[in-house]
Amino acid sequence: MKFLLYLILVLLLVPVQATLLPHLSVWNIKPDLGLVAAAFVGLFAGEMEGLLVGLAIGWVLSLFSAGELGLSLLTNGGVGLLAGFLGRQVSQVTSISVGVGLLAVSLASGLLAAATFETLDLAQVWQMVGAIVLPQACFDGLVGAGLYWLLSQRFQVARLRTE
């Protein structure tokens, strides 16, 4: 049952990100739903499932984007693994901690992506960081915090994390 749920998540993520998110963008900045989904799977299901689902999400998103294949694969897989590890180690996860954590990993992912552009000089990279990477990291953090808050209002999140 979990496998089917993860398969549906991975396969529906690309159409949702391609069709729905352009209408929800703020200043042409869209959240990275793959990163948020990998973090939530890792947080609720553990390190191994977060890693595997994050790798699958990164692979599928890389197939339909113009970016490098390995970068999205590794960042989403790494986020799932890290969220799973932190979900087991942190005793009281709140929406603020989820938001700040997603902001940090999204910022690190964006900085890594900006550093891989070989044709840009340092000034262009810093302009891209200020105009795209930092706002997207803030948006990812807000989306993650909001989703975690909604889940915590609807379900007993502590029980979800221990199952």
Protein backbone atom coordinates (compact mmCIF):
# COMPACT_ATOMS: atom_id res chain seq x y z
CA MET A 1 0.00 0.00 0.00
CA LYS A 2 2.83 2.40 0.84
CA PHE A 3 4.54 1.61 -2.46
CA LEU A 4 1.39 2.49 -4.38
CA LEU A 5 1.01 5.74 -2.44
CA TYR A 6 4.63 6.69 -3.12
CA LEU A 7 4.27 5.79 -6.80
CA ILE A 8 1.19 8.01 -7.12
CA LEU A 9 3.04 10.83 -5.31
CA VAL A 10 6.03 10.59 -7.62
CA LEU A 11 3.97 10.37 -10.80
CA LEU A 12 1.54 13.17 -9.91
CA LEU A 13 4.22 15.56 -8.72
CA VAL A 14 5.39 16.53 -12.21
CA PRO A 15 1.93 17.38 -13.63
CA VAL A 16 1.00 19.33 -10.50
CA GLN A 17 4.27 21.23 -10.54
CA ALA A 18 3.97 21.95 -14.28
CA THR A 19 0.28 22.91 -14.44
CA LEU A 20 -0.81 24.22 -11.05
CA LEU A 21 2.26 25.98 -9.69
CA PRO A 22 2.65 28.59 -12.46
CA HIS A 23 -0.72 29.95 -11.35
CA LEU A 24 0.38 30.02 -7.69
CA SER A 25 3.74 31.67 -8.28
CA VAL A 26 4.64 34.85 -6.46
CA TRP A 27 6.88 37.21 -8.47
CA ASN A 28 7.47 34.28 -10.84
CA ILE A 29 8.94 32.20 -7.99
CA LYS A 30 7.45 28.73 -7.49
CA PRO A 31 8.03 26.37 -4.57
CA ASP A 32 9.92 23.14 -5.18
CA LEU A 33 7.25 20.56 -4.37
CA GLY A 34 9.70 17.71 -4.96
CA LEU A 35 11.94 18.96 -2.18
CA VAL A 36 8.99 19.49 0.17
CA ALA A 37 7.50 16.07 -0.62
CA ALA A 38 10.84 14.29 -0.10
CA ALA A 39 11.26 16.05 3.24
CA PHE A 40 7.78 15.06 4.39
CA VAL A 41 8.23 11.43 3.38
CA GLY A 42 11.53 11.34 5.24
CA LEU A 43 10.05 13.05 8.26
CA PHE A 44 7.04 10.76 8.55
CA ALA A 45 8.38 7.47 7.17
CA GLY A 46 12.05 7.47 8.12
CA GLU A 47 15.46 7.77 6.57
CA MET A 48 15.40 4.90 4.09
CA GLU A 49 11.98 5.65 2.64
CA GLY A 50 12.82 9.36 2.52
CA LEU A 51 16.02 8.60 0.64
CA LEU A 52 14.38 6.23 -1.86
CA VAL A 53 11.32 8.39 -2.51
CA GLY A 54 13.54 11.49 -2.71
CA LEU A 55 15.75 9.77 -5.28
CA ALA A 56 12.68 8.74 -7.28
CA ILE A 57 11.23 12.26 -7.13
CA GLY A 58 14.56 13.77 -8.16
CA TRP A 59 14.89 11.35 -11.05
CA VAL A 60 11.37 11.98 -12.37
CA LEU A 61 11.70 15.75 -12.01
CA SER A 62 15.08 15.64 -13.78
CA LEU A 63 13.55 13.80 -16.70
CA PHE A 64 11.12 16.65 -17.31
CA SER A 65 13.41 19.61 -16.62
CA ALA A 66 16.37 21.18 -18.32
CA GLY A 67 18.63 20.81 -15.30
CA GLU A 68 21.34 18.29 -14.67
CA LEU A 69 20.19 14.76 -13.89
CA GLY A 70 22.40 14.12 -10.89
CA LEU A 71 21.79 17.38 -9.09
CA SER A 72 18.05 17.04 -8.53
CA LEU A 73 18.44 13.34 -7.84
CA LEU A 74 21.03 13.91 -5.12
CA THR A 75 19.44 16.96 -3.52
CA ASN A 76 15.96 15.43 -3.21
CA GLY A 77 17.36 12.11 -2.00
CA GLY A 78 19.61 13.90 0.47
CA VAL A 79 16.74 15.99 1.78
CA GLY A 80 14.61 12.87 2.31
CA LEU A 81 17.47 11.18 4.17
CA LEU A 82 18.23 14.24 6.29
CA ALA A 83 14.58 14.84 7.15
CA GLY A 84 14.17 11.20 8.12
CA PHE A 85 17.23 11.36 10.35
CA LEU A 86 16.16 14.61 11.99
CA GLY A 87 12.60 13.36 12.38
CA ARG A 88 13.88 10.49 14.49
CA GLN A 89 16.32 12.59 16.52
CA VAL A 90 14.31 15.75 17.25
CA SER A 91 11.80 15.16 20.02
CA GLN A 92 9.37 17.99 19.27
CA VAL A 93 8.98 18.87 15.59
CA THR A 94 6.96 22.03 14.99
CA SER A 95 5.85 23.81 11.86
CA ILE A 96 8.48 26.49 12.50
CA SER A 97 11.27 23.92 12.71
CA VAL A 98 10.02 22.27 9.51
CA GLY A 99 9.87 25.64 7.76
CA VAL A 100 13.34 26.70 8.88
CA GLY A 101 14.76 23.30 7.97
CA LEU A 102 13.21 23.41 4.50
CA LEU A 103 14.45 26.97 4.04
CA ALA A 104 17.99 25.83 4.89
CA VAL A 105 18.05 22.76 2.65
CA SER A 106 16.35 24.62 -0.20
CA LEU A 107 18.92 27.39 0.10
CA ALA A 108 21.74 24.84 0.08
CA SER A 109 20.21 23.09 -2.93
CA GLY A 110 19.82 26.38 -4.79
CA LEU A 111 23.38 27.45 -3.99
CA LEU A 112 24.65 24.12 -5.26
CA ALA A 113 22.64 24.52 -8.46
CA ALA A 114 23.90 28.09 -8.91
CA ALA A 115 27.48 26.94 -8.43
CA THR A 116 27.15 24.38 -11.24
CA PHE A 117 26.53 27.02 -13.92
CA GLU A 118 29.88 27.23 -15.67
CA THR A 119 29.02 30.13 -17.98
CA LEU A 120 28.14 32.60 -15.23
CA ASP A 121 30.62 34.79 -13.46
CA LEU A 122 30.49 35.45 -9.72
CA ALA A 123 28.40 38.63 -9.98
CA GLN A 124 25.75 36.84 -12.04
CA VAL A 125 25.68 33.95 -9.59
CA TRP A 126 25.10 36.30 -6.65
CA GLN A 127 22.40 38.13 -8.57
CA MET A 128 20.71 34.77 -9.25
CA VAL A 129 20.99 33.86 -5.57
CA GLY A 130 19.35 37.12 -4.51
CA ALA A 131 16.66 37.11 -7.17
CA ILE A 132 15.75 33.41 -7.39
CA VAL A 133 17.43 31.10 -4.86
CA LEU A 134 16.71 33.01 -1.66
CA PRO A 135 13.04 33.84 -2.47
CA GLN A 136 12.41 30.24 -3.56
CA ALA A 137 14.00 28.94 -0.34
CA CYS A 138 11.73 31.23 1.69
CA PHE A 139 8.71 30.08 -0.34
CA ASP A 140 9.67 26.41 0.19
CA GLY A 141 9.98 27.03 3.92
CA LEU A 142 6.58 28.71 4.06
CA VAL A 143 4.91 25.94 2.05
CA GLY A 144 6.48 23.27 4.25
CA ALA A 145 5.56 25.04 7.47
CA GLY A 146 2.01 25.58 6.25
CA LEU A 147 1.57 21.96 5.18
CA TYR A 148 2.97 20.69 8.46
CA TRP A 149 0.66 23.02 10.39
CA LEU A 150 -2.34 21.77 8.38
CA LEU A 151 -1.34 18.15 8.97
CA SER A 152 -0.83 18.75 12.68
CA GLN A 153 -4.29 20.32 12.95
CA ARG A 154 -5.95 17.42 11.13
CA PHE A 155 -3.97 14.42 12.39
CA GLN A 156 -1.93 13.45 15.41
CA VAL A 157 1.44 14.11 13.83
CA ALA A 158 3.43 12.50 16.65
CA ARG A 159 1.57 9.25 16.04
CA LEU A 160 2.26 9.45 12.29
CA ARG A 161 5.99 9.83 12.91
CA THR A 162 6.28 6.76 15.14
CA GLU A 163 4.39 4.28 12.96
